[in-house]
Amino acid sequence: MDEEKKSISFVYEKSKDKTYPVNGAYGGPSPDNSGIVAHFYLEYPSIPHSTDIPIEIGQQNIDLTKGRNISRGDYTRDIQTTLFLSAESAKTIGEWLISKAEIIFERRKGNLQNPDK
C-alpha cells in the first residue's frame, strides 16, 4: 500500500441566510439530556408596543408629542436563532469560542502576536 500522507479536506460554504448579531444566550440541557438547547438573542431597549395619540374630530394637525406609549417591558431579547448541540459539540465549540475570545483580549492589551491563530 502506498505510504503517502492521507488527509481529508473541508470546503466552507456560507449559507444564503443572513449573519445574526447576538449578545446573549438562554437555554440548557434538553429534558431527555440528549443535548444542549441554546437560544441566541440580541438584547436592546424595548420599543413601545404601541402609541396612543389623542385627536379631535376635524383636527388638521396631530401633535405627535402628546402621545402615550404602551410599554412592553424595559428590554427586549429578540431570539435570532436556536441551536441544538450534543454535549460534546457544545463543549468543543465553547472551548473554541473561549480561545478566540482570549486572542481578542490579548490584542486589546496590545499584544498582537500570532493574530491569525
Protein backbone atom coordinates (compact mmCIF):
# COMPACT_ATOMS: atom_id res chain seq x y z
CA MET A 1 0.00 0.00 0.00
CA ASP A 2 1.22 3.48 -0.79
CA GLU A 3 2.74 5.28 2.23
CA GLU A 4 1.65 8.76 1.15
CA LYS A 5 0.11 11.11 3.69
CA LYS A 6 -3.64 10.72 3.95
CA SER A 7 -5.82 13.74 4.54
CA ILE A 8 -9.34 14.98 4.27
CA SER A 9 -10.28 18.46 3.14
CA PHE A 10 -13.24 20.59 4.09
CA VAL A 11 -14.73 23.34 1.94
CA TYR A 12 -16.53 26.16 3.78
CA GLU A 13 -19.72 27.46 2.19
CA LYS A 14 -21.66 30.40 3.57
CA SER A 15 -25.38 29.92 3.99
CA LYS A 16 -27.60 32.07 1.84
CA ASP A 17 -29.24 33.23 5.07
CA LYS A 18 -28.00 36.27 6.94
CA THR A 19 -25.44 36.53 9.71
CA TYR A 20 -27.12 37.04 13.09
CA PRO A 21 -25.74 39.51 15.62
CA VAL A 22 -26.12 38.15 19.16
CA ASN A 23 -25.11 39.39 22.59
CA GLY A 24 -26.57 36.66 24.78
CA ALA A 25 -27.92 33.14 25.01
CA TYR A 26 -30.51 31.32 27.07
CA GLY A 27 -31.11 27.62 27.38
CA GLY A 28 -29.68 24.48 28.88
CA PRO A 29 -29.84 20.70 28.76
CA SER A 30 -32.78 19.21 26.89
CA PRO A 31 -35.33 17.38 29.05
CA ASP A 32 -34.03 13.99 27.89
CA ASN A 33 -30.36 15.03 28.35
CA SER A 34 -29.63 14.33 24.69
CA GLY A 35 -28.10 17.75 24.10
CA ILE A 36 -27.98 21.46 24.80
CA VAL A 37 -30.66 23.87 23.57
CA ALA A 38 -29.26 27.38 23.09
CA HIS A 39 -31.48 30.31 22.11
CA PHE A 40 -29.20 33.11 20.88
CA TYR A 41 -30.67 36.57 21.27
CA LEU A 42 -29.98 40.23 20.60
CA GLU A 43 -30.84 42.37 23.62
CA TYR A 44 -31.85 46.01 23.23
CA PRO A 45 -34.11 48.63 24.84
CA SER A 46 -37.73 47.85 24.03
CA ILE A 47 -39.70 50.00 21.68
CA PRO A 48 -43.29 50.69 22.73
CA HIS A 49 -45.92 48.09 21.92
CA SER A 50 -47.98 50.98 20.56
CA THR A 51 -48.53 54.70 20.97
CA ASP A 52 -51.93 56.30 21.58
CA ILE A 53 -52.23 59.88 20.34
CA PRO A 54 -55.35 61.87 21.22
CA ILE A 55 -57.05 63.58 18.30
CA GLU A 56 -60.19 65.65 17.90
CA ILE A 57 -62.70 65.33 15.09
CA GLY A 58 -61.80 67.77 12.33
CA GLN A 59 -58.31 68.39 13.72
CA GLN A 60 -55.94 69.39 10.91
CA ASN A 61 -52.60 68.82 12.62
CA ILE A 62 -51.86 65.98 15.01
CA ASP A 63 -49.45 66.77 17.84
CA LEU A 64 -47.27 63.65 17.97
CA THR A 65 -45.64 64.80 21.22
CA LYS A 66 -48.93 64.33 23.12
CA GLY A 67 -48.91 60.55 22.66
CA ARG A 68 -48.83 57.92 25.38
CA ASN A 69 -46.62 54.88 24.86
CA ILE A 70 -47.90 51.44 25.81
CA SER A 71 -44.85 49.69 27.24
CA ARG A 72 -43.78 46.10 26.57
CA GLY A 73 -41.03 45.97 29.16
CA ASP A 74 -37.70 47.69 29.61
CA TYR A 75 -35.65 45.43 27.34
CA THR A 76 -36.34 43.01 24.52
CA ARG A 77 -34.47 39.77 23.97
CA ASP A 78 -35.05 39.11 20.30
CA ILE A 79 -34.26 35.43 19.65
CA GLN A 80 -32.22 35.33 16.45
CA THR A 81 -31.77 31.57 16.19
CA THR A 82 -31.89 28.39 18.25
CA LEU A 83 -29.21 25.70 18.21
CA PHE A 84 -29.37 22.12 19.43
CA LEU A 85 -25.92 20.70 20.16
CA SER A 86 -24.67 17.44 21.56
CA ALA A 87 -22.89 17.84 24.90
CA GLU A 88 -19.61 17.01 23.16
CA SER A 89 -20.15 19.60 20.41
CA ALA A 90 -21.23 22.23 22.94
CA LYS A 91 -18.06 21.67 24.97
CA THR A 92 -15.79 21.72 21.90
CA ILE A 93 -17.42 24.85 20.47
CA GLY A 94 -17.38 26.52 23.91
CA GLU A 95 -13.65 25.88 24.26
CA TRP A 96 -13.07 27.16 20.73
CA LEU A 97 -15.05 30.35 21.46
CA ILE A 98 -13.09 30.93 24.67
CA SER A 99 -9.77 30.52 22.82
CA LYS A 100 -10.86 33.07 20.20
CA ALA A 101 -12.02 35.49 22.90
CA GLU A 102 -8.60 35.20 24.57
CA ILE A 103 -6.98 36.31 21.29
CA ILE A 104 -9.15 39.42 21.27
CA PHE A 105 -8.33 40.20 24.91
CA GLU A 106 -4.61 39.92 24.11
CA ARG A 107 -5.00 42.16 21.05
CA ARG A 108 -6.75 44.75 23.17
CA LYS A 109 -3.76 44.78 25.52
CA GLY A 110 -1.53 45.50 22.55
CA ASN A 111 -0.03 42.01 22.30
CA LEU A 112 -0.71 41.37 18.62
CA GLN A 113 1.45 38.25 18.32
CA ASN A 114 0.04 35.47 16.14
CA PRO A 115 -3.15 37.36 15.22
CA ASP A 116 -4.28 34.67 12.75
CA LYS A 117 -4.41 31.71 15.15
